[in-house]
Amino acid sequence: MNGIPMFIVALLALIVAMHRGVTRRADASLRAQFDAQGQGSEVARQLMRDSGYSV
């Protein structure tokens, strides 16, 4: 019985770490794309659309 709570905590920690890694890679990718294309308003809107926002 003592192993189950520890397993759940370890599983949650693993999920959080994986989510942070995915988020950081996506942020870096969007930042690089924004830097390459400039700061026009249409570029910003397209980046937001690519991120899942409806603008």
N, C-alpha and C. Protein backbone atom coordinates (compact mmCIF):
# COMPACT_ATOMS: atom_id res chain seq x y z
N MET A 1 0.81 -1.21 0.00
CA MET A 1 0.00 0.00 0.00
C MET A 1 0.85 1.27 0.00
N ASN A 2 2.03 1.23 0.58
CA ASN A 2 2.87 2.42 0.65
C ASN A 2 3.43 2.82 -0.71
N GLY A 3 3.50 1.89 -1.64
CA GLY A 3 4.08 2.18 -2.94
C GLY A 3 3.13 2.91 -3.88
N ILE A 4 1.83 2.77 -3.67
CA ILE A 4 0.85 3.37 -4.59
C ILE A 4 0.88 4.90 -4.54
N PRO A 5 0.83 5.54 -3.36
CA PRO A 5 0.91 7.01 -3.36
C PRO A 5 2.21 7.53 -3.96
N MET A 6 3.31 6.85 -3.70
CA MET A 6 4.60 7.27 -4.25
C MET A 6 4.58 7.15 -5.77
N PHE A 7 3.97 6.10 -6.29
CA PHE A 7 3.87 5.91 -7.73
C PHE A 7 3.05 7.03 -8.37
N ILE A 8 1.96 7.41 -7.73
CA ILE A 8 1.11 8.49 -8.26
C ILE A 8 1.87 9.81 -8.28
N VAL A 9 2.60 10.10 -7.22
CA VAL A 9 3.39 11.33 -7.16
C VAL A 9 4.45 11.33 -8.26
N ALA A 10 5.13 10.21 -8.43
CA ALA A 10 6.17 10.12 -9.47
C ALA A 10 5.56 10.27 -10.86
N LEU A 11 4.40 9.68 -11.08
CA LEU A 11 3.73 9.78 -12.37
C LEU A 11 3.34 11.22 -12.67
N LEU A 12 2.77 11.90 -11.69
CA LEU A 12 2.40 13.31 -11.89
C LEU A 12 3.63 14.18 -12.16
N ALA A 13 4.71 13.92 -11.46
CA ALA A 13 5.94 14.68 -11.68
C ALA A 13 6.46 14.46 -13.10
N LEU A 14 6.37 13.24 -13.58
CA LEU A 14 6.80 12.94 -14.95
C LEU A 14 5.94 13.66 -15.98
N ILE A 15 4.64 13.67 -15.77
CA ILE A 15 3.73 14.35 -16.70
C ILE A 15 4.01 15.85 -16.73
N VAL A 16 4.21 16.45 -15.57
CA VAL A 16 4.50 17.88 -15.50
C VAL A 16 5.80 18.20 -16.23
N ALA A 17 6.82 17.39 -16.01
CA ALA A 17 8.11 17.63 -16.67
C ALA A 17 7.99 17.50 -18.18
N MET A 18 7.26 16.52 -18.65
CA MET A 18 7.09 16.34 -20.09
C MET A 18 6.32 17.52 -20.69
N HIS A 19 5.28 17.97 -19.99
CA HIS A 19 4.48 19.10 -20.49
C HIS A 19 5.32 20.36 -20.58
N ARG A 20 6.17 20.59 -19.59
CA ARG A 20 7.04 21.77 -19.62
C ARG A 20 8.00 21.72 -20.80
N GLY A 21 8.54 20.55 -21.09
CA GLY A 21 9.46 20.40 -22.21
C GLY A 21 8.79 20.69 -23.54
N VAL A 22 7.58 20.17 -23.72
CA VAL A 22 6.83 20.41 -24.96
C VAL A 22 6.52 21.90 -25.10
N THR A 23 6.09 22.52 -24.01
CA THR A 23 5.75 23.95 -24.04
C THR A 23 6.96 24.80 -24.38
N ARG A 24 8.10 24.49 -23.78
CA ARG A 24 9.32 25.27 -24.07
C ARG A 24 9.73 25.15 -25.53
N ARG A 25 9.65 23.94 -26.08
CA ARG A 25 10.02 23.77 -27.50
C ARG A 25 9.07 24.55 -28.41
N ALA A 26 7.78 24.52 -28.11
CA ALA A 26 6.81 25.26 -28.92
C ALA A 26 7.06 26.76 -28.81
N ASP A 27 7.34 27.26 -27.61
CA ASP A 27 7.62 28.68 -27.43
C ASP A 27 8.87 29.09 -28.21
N ALA A 28 9.90 28.28 -28.14
CA ALA A 28 11.14 28.59 -28.86
C ALA A 28 10.91 28.61 -30.36
N SER A 29 10.10 27.68 -30.85
CA SER A 29 9.80 27.62 -32.28
C SER A 29 9.03 28.87 -32.72
N LEU A 30 8.02 29.24 -31.96
CA LEU A 30 7.24 30.44 -32.30
C LEU A 30 8.09 31.70 -32.22
N ARG A 31 8.96 31.77 -31.22
CA ARG A 31 9.83 32.94 -31.08
C ARG A 31 10.77 33.06 -32.27
N ALA A 32 11.33 31.93 -32.70
CA ALA A 32 12.23 31.94 -33.85
C ALA A 32 11.49 32.36 -35.12
N GLN A 33 10.28 31.86 -35.29
CA GLN A 33 9.49 32.23 -36.47
C GLN A 33 9.16 33.72 -36.45
N PHE A 34 8.80 34.25 -35.29
CA PHE A 34 8.48 35.66 -35.17
C PHE A 34 9.69 36.53 -35.49
N ASP A 35 10.86 36.13 -34.97
CA ASP A 35 12.09 36.89 -35.22
C ASP A 35 12.46 36.86 -36.70
N ALA A 36 12.20 35.76 -37.37
CA ALA A 36 12.56 35.63 -38.79
C ALA A 36 11.64 36.45 -39.68
N GLN A 37 10.38 36.59 -39.29
CA GLN A 37 9.41 37.25 -40.17
C GLN A 37 9.18 38.72 -39.84
N GLY A 38 9.59 39.17 -38.70
CA GLY A 38 9.40 40.58 -38.36
C GLY A 38 8.24 40.78 -37.41
N GLN A 39 7.91 42.05 -37.18
CA GLN A 39 6.92 42.37 -36.15
C GLN A 39 5.63 42.94 -36.73
N GLY A 40 5.29 42.64 -37.96
CA GLY A 40 4.04 43.14 -38.54
C GLY A 40 2.83 42.54 -37.86
N SER A 41 1.72 43.25 -37.89
CA SER A 41 0.53 42.77 -37.20
C SER A 41 -0.01 41.47 -37.81
N GLU A 42 0.09 41.31 -39.12
CA GLU A 42 -0.38 40.09 -39.74
C GLU A 42 0.47 38.89 -39.33
N VAL A 43 1.75 39.12 -39.16
CA VAL A 43 2.65 38.05 -38.71
C VAL A 43 2.25 37.62 -37.30
N ALA A 44 1.99 38.59 -36.43
CA ALA A 44 1.60 38.27 -35.07
C ALA A 44 0.29 37.50 -35.05
N ARG A 45 -0.67 37.91 -35.88
CA ARG A 45 -1.95 37.20 -35.95
C ARG A 45 -1.75 35.76 -36.42
N GLN A 46 -0.89 35.57 -37.43
CA GLN A 46 -0.64 34.22 -37.95
C GLN A 46 0.02 33.35 -36.89
N LEU A 47 0.94 33.92 -36.13
CA LEU A 47 1.58 33.16 -35.06
C LEU A 47 0.56 32.75 -34.00
N MET A 48 -0.37 33.64 -33.69
CA MET A 48 -1.40 33.31 -32.72
C MET A 48 -2.33 32.23 -33.27
N ARG A 49 -2.66 32.30 -34.55
CA ARG A 49 -3.49 31.24 -35.17
C ARG A 49 -2.77 29.91 -35.10
N ASP A 50 -1.46 29.90 -35.39
CA ASP A 50 -0.68 28.67 -35.34
C ASP A 50 -0.62 28.10 -33.93
N SER A 51 -0.75 28.98 -32.93
CA SER A 51 -0.72 28.54 -31.54
C SER A 51 -2.07 28.04 -31.05
N GLY A 52 -3.10 28.18 -31.88
CA GLY A 52 -4.40 27.67 -31.49
C GLY A 52 -5.42 28.73 -31.12
N TYR A 53 -5.02 30.00 -31.18
CA TYR A 53 -5.97 31.08 -30.89
C TYR A 53 -6.74 31.43 -32.16
N SER A 54 -7.98 31.86 -32.01
CA SER A 54 -8.73 32.29 -33.18
C SER A 54 -8.81 33.81 -33.19
N VAL A 55 -7.95 34.40 -34.01
CA VAL A 55 -7.92 35.87 -34.11
C VAL A 55 -8.19 36.29 -35.54
